[in-house]
C-alpha atoms as a PDB file:
ATOM      1  CA  GLN A   1     -16.855 -12.931  12.530  1.00  0.00           C
ATOM      2  CA  VAL A   2     -13.560 -12.639  11.004  1.00  0.00           C
ATOM      3  CA  GLN A   3     -11.423  -9.907  11.851  1.00  0.00           C
ATOM      4  CA  LEU A   4      -8.260  -8.799   9.982  1.00  0.00           C
ATOM      5  CA  GLN A   5      -4.852  -7.172  11.527  1.00  0.00           C
ATOM      6  CA  GLU A   6      -2.001  -5.123   9.538  1.00  0.00           C
ATOM      7  CA  SER A   7       1.175  -4.552  10.952  1.00  0.00           C
ATOM      8  CA  GLY A   8       4.219  -3.434   9.505  1.00  0.00           C
ATOM      9  CA  PRO A   9       6.550  -0.344   9.560  1.00  0.00           C
ATOM     10  CA  GLY A  10       5.377   2.862   9.230  1.00  0.00           C
ATOM     11  CA  LEU A  11       8.463   4.611   7.721  1.00  0.00           C
ATOM     12  CA  VAL A  12      10.162   3.187   4.930  1.00  0.00           C
ATOM     13  CA  LYS A  13      13.277   4.880   3.069  1.00  0.00           C
ATOM     14  CA  PRO A  14      13.531   4.929  -0.691  1.00  0.00           C
ATOM     15  CA  SER A  15      14.781   2.042  -2.756  1.00  0.00           C
ATOM     16  CA  GLN A  16      14.463  -0.095   0.508  1.00  0.00           C
ATOM     17  CA  THR A  17      11.750  -3.149   0.489  1.00  0.00           C
ATOM     18  CA  LEU A  18       8.010  -2.674   2.660  1.00  0.00           C
ATOM     19  CA  SER A  19       7.566  -5.805   4.503  1.00  0.00           C
ATOM     20  CA  LEU A  20       3.831  -6.011   6.002  1.00  0.00           C
ATOM     21  CA  THR A  21       1.998  -8.973   7.481  1.00  0.00           C
ATOM     22  CA  CYS A  22      -1.887  -9.496   8.166  1.00  0.00           C
ATOM     23  CA  THR A  23      -3.011 -11.265  11.146  1.00  0.00           C
ATOM     24  CA  VAL A  24      -6.443 -13.141  10.384  1.00  0.00           C
ATOM     25  CA  PHE A  25      -8.418 -13.330  13.629  1.00  0.00           C
ATOM     26  CA  GLY A  26     -11.754 -15.702  13.165  1.00  0.00           C
ATOM     27  CA  GLY A  27     -11.213 -18.035  10.130  1.00  0.00           C
ATOM     28  CA  SER A  28      -8.599 -19.785   8.517  1.00  0.00           C
ATOM     29  CA  ILE A  29      -6.998 -18.574   5.365  1.00  0.00           C
ATOM     30  CA  THR A  30      -6.813 -22.076   3.903  1.00  0.00           C
ATOM     31  CA  THR A  31     -10.400 -22.036   3.940  1.00  0.00           C
ATOM     32  CA  ASN A  32     -12.147 -22.545  -0.048  1.00  0.00           C
ATOM     33  CA  GLY A  33     -13.218 -20.052  -1.901  1.00  0.00           C
ATOM     34  CA  TYR A  34     -11.554 -17.482   0.075  1.00  0.00           C
ATOM     35  CA  TYR A  35      -8.422 -15.184  -1.505  1.00  0.00           C
ATOM     36  CA  TRP A  36      -6.731 -12.904   0.734  1.00  0.00           C
ATOM     37  CA  THR A  37      -5.748  -9.452  -0.526  1.00  0.00           C
ATOM     38  CA  TRP A  38      -3.251  -6.193   0.051  1.00  0.00           C
ATOM     39  CA  ILE A  39      -5.019  -3.137  -1.052  1.00  0.00           C
ATOM     40  CA  ARG A  40      -3.494   0.320  -0.738  1.00  0.00           C
ATOM     41  CA  GLN A  41      -5.049   3.811  -0.695  1.00  0.00           C
ATOM     42  CA  PRO A  42      -2.081   7.345  -1.359  1.00  0.00           C
ATOM     43  CA  PRO A  43      -3.735  10.267   0.366  1.00  0.00           C
ATOM     44  CA  GLY A  44      -6.196  11.705  -1.673  1.00  0.00           C
ATOM     45  CA  LYS A  45      -6.759   9.318  -4.101  1.00  0.00           C
ATOM     46  CA  GLY A  46      -8.926   5.590  -4.745  1.00  0.00           C
ATOM     47  CA  LEU A  47      -8.583   2.579  -3.693  1.00  0.00           C
ATOM     48  CA  GLU A  48      -5.576   0.017  -5.220  1.00  0.00           C
ATOM     49  CA  TRP A  49      -5.637  -3.405  -5.614  1.00  0.00           C
ATOM     50  CA  ILE A  50      -1.844  -4.844  -5.004  1.00  0.00           C
ATOM     51  CA  GLY A  51      -2.277  -8.386  -4.946  1.00  0.00           C
ATOM     52  CA  SER A  52      -4.303 -11.699  -3.809  1.00  0.00           C
ATOM     53  CA  ILE A  53      -3.004 -14.922  -2.577  1.00  0.00           C
ATOM     54  CA  ALA A  54      -5.824 -17.433  -2.471  1.00  0.00           C
ATOM     55  CA  TYR A  55      -6.649 -20.341  -0.076  1.00  0.00           C
ATOM     56  CA  ASP A  56      -4.733 -22.691  -1.850  1.00  0.00           C
ATOM     57  CA  GLY A  57      -1.642 -20.451  -1.984  1.00  0.00           C
ATOM     58  CA  ASP A  58      -1.595 -19.252  -5.377  1.00  0.00           C
ATOM     59  CA  THR A  59      -0.927 -15.479  -6.204  1.00  0.00           C
ATOM     60  CA  ILE A  60      -2.259 -12.856  -8.749  1.00  0.00           C
ATOM     61  CA  TYR A  61      -0.883  -9.398  -8.766  1.00  0.00           C
ATOM     62  CA  SER A  62      -1.785  -5.731  -9.914  1.00  0.00           C
ATOM     63  CA  PRO A  63      -0.320  -5.393 -13.919  1.00  0.00           C
ATOM     64  CA  SER A  64       0.741  -2.019 -12.227  1.00  0.00           C
ATOM     65  CA  LEU A  65       2.930  -4.006  -9.478  1.00  0.00           C
ATOM     66  CA  LYS A  66       3.698  -7.816 -10.198  1.00  0.00           C
ATOM     67  CA  SER A  67       6.651  -7.294 -10.465  1.00  0.00           C
ATOM     68  CA  ARG A  68       7.869  -5.821  -7.357  1.00  0.00           C
ATOM     69  CA  ALA A  69       5.175  -6.911  -5.078  1.00  0.00           C
ATOM     70  CA  SER A  70       5.071 -10.418  -3.471  1.00  0.00           C
ATOM     71  CA  ILE A  71       2.890 -11.937  -1.332  1.00  0.00           C
ATOM     72  CA  SER A  72       3.281 -15.497   1.017  1.00  0.00           C
ATOM     73  CA  ARG A  73       1.611 -17.074   3.487  1.00  0.00           C
ATOM     74  CA  ASP A  74       2.565 -18.862   6.574  1.00  0.00           C
ATOM     75  CA  THR A  75      -0.818 -21.205   7.270  1.00  0.00           C
ATOM     76  CA  SER A  76       0.530 -22.187  11.108  1.00  0.00           C
ATOM     77  CA  LYS A  77       0.043 -18.326  12.026  1.00  0.00           C
ATOM     78  CA  ASN A  78      -2.913 -17.867  10.267  1.00  0.00           C
ATOM     79  CA  GLN A  79      -1.030 -14.814   8.397  1.00  0.00           C
ATOM     80  CA  PHE A  80      -0.094 -13.551   4.909  1.00  0.00           C
ATOM     81  CA  THR A  81       2.354 -10.986   4.398  1.00  0.00           C
ATOM     82  CA  LEU A  82       3.204  -8.313   1.542  1.00  0.00           C
ATOM     83  CA  GLN A  83       6.380  -7.622   0.180  1.00  0.00           C
ATOM     84  CA  LEU A  84       6.993  -4.516  -2.049  1.00  0.00           C
ATOM     85  CA  ILE A  85      10.280  -3.737  -3.286  1.00  0.00           C
ATOM     86  CA  SER A  86      11.822  -0.612  -4.469  1.00  0.00           C
ATOM     87  CA  GLU A  87       9.882   1.665  -2.590  1.00  0.00           C
ATOM     88  CA  ALA A  88       9.526   5.597  -3.610  1.00  0.00           C
ATOM     89  CA  PRO A  89       7.659   8.122  -2.394  1.00  0.00           C
ATOM     90  CA  GLU A  90       4.316   7.292  -4.730  1.00  0.00           C
ATOM     91  CA  ASP A  91       4.117   4.429  -2.638  1.00  0.00           C
ATOM     92  CA  THR A  92       2.807   5.963   0.362  1.00  0.00           C
ATOM     93  CA  ALA A  93      -0.518   5.091   1.514  1.00  0.00           C
ATOM     94  CA  VAL A  94      -2.854   3.233   3.854  1.00  0.00           C
ATOM     95  CA  TYR A  95      -2.703  -0.188   3.301  1.00  0.00           C
ATOM     96  CA  TYR A  96      -5.339  -2.558   4.341  1.00  0.00           C
ATOM     97  CA  CYS A  97      -5.601  -6.314   4.206  1.00  0.00           C
ATOM     98  CA  THR A  98      -9.077  -7.483   3.260  1.00  0.00           C
ATOM     99  CA  ARG A  99     -10.887 -11.180   1.967  1.00  0.00           C
ATOM    100  CA  PHE A 100     -12.271 -11.224  -1.279  1.00  0.00           C
ATOM    101  CA  ARG A 101     -15.177 -13.981  -1.929  1.00  0.00           C
ATOM    102  CA  GLY A 102     -14.785 -15.289  -5.133  1.00  0.00           C
ATOM    103  CA  GLY A 103     -16.595 -13.815  -7.388  1.00  0.00           C
ATOM    104  CA  TRP A 104     -18.415 -12.036  -4.897  1.00  0.00           C
ATOM    105  CA  ASP A 105     -17.412  -8.822  -2.657  1.00  0.00           C
ATOM    106  CA  PHE A 106     -14.367  -8.132  -0.446  1.00  0.00           C
ATOM    107  CA  ASP A 107     -16.049  -8.640   2.773  1.00  0.00           C
ATOM    108  CA  TYR A 108     -13.737  -8.259   6.241  1.00  0.00           C
ATOM    109  CA  TRP A 109     -11.062  -5.408   6.486  1.00  0.00           C
ATOM    110  CA  GLY A 110      -8.626  -4.583   8.322  1.00  0.00           C
ATOM    111  CA  GLN A 111      -8.634  -1.348  10.043  1.00  0.00           C
ATOM    112  CA  GLY A 112      -5.469   0.193   7.777  1.00  0.00           C
ATOM    113  CA  THR A 113      -1.942   0.780   8.336  1.00  0.00           C
ATOM    114  CA  GLN A 114      -0.029   4.113   7.306  1.00  0.00           C
ATOM    115  CA  VAL A 115       3.024   3.458   5.403  1.00  0.00           C
ATOM    116  CA  THR A 116       5.190   6.106   4.714  1.00  0.00           C
ATOM    117  CA  VAL A 117       8.549   6.446   2.187  1.00  0.00           C
ATOM    118  CA  SER A 118      10.703   8.893   3.020  1.00  0.00           C
ATOM    119  CA  SER A 119      14.134   9.723   3.632  1.00  0.00           C
END
């Protein structure tokens, strides 16, 4: 069974960069056909897709965040990382890492980590 776990700071100051890491257990992030994804949920709002890194390392981002987001990976640690620059209060959310089965669904999720952007 695949498990994902987010880690990173719970508090970020405005204008600074958020960096979150997702560690994957029970499955390789290089396995063909899977896309390793960051999604967030602001308080009282719905889920928002941020972007994904594919099994081969290619990345894709939400149009609304592509200028600010960067996803990378460390295959030796089976981890992938989100960096989101120029943080603002509206970036406050619970951030999730999840696995997308290409053409199907998001089958595994991390528990989520709360990130608050505040001075």
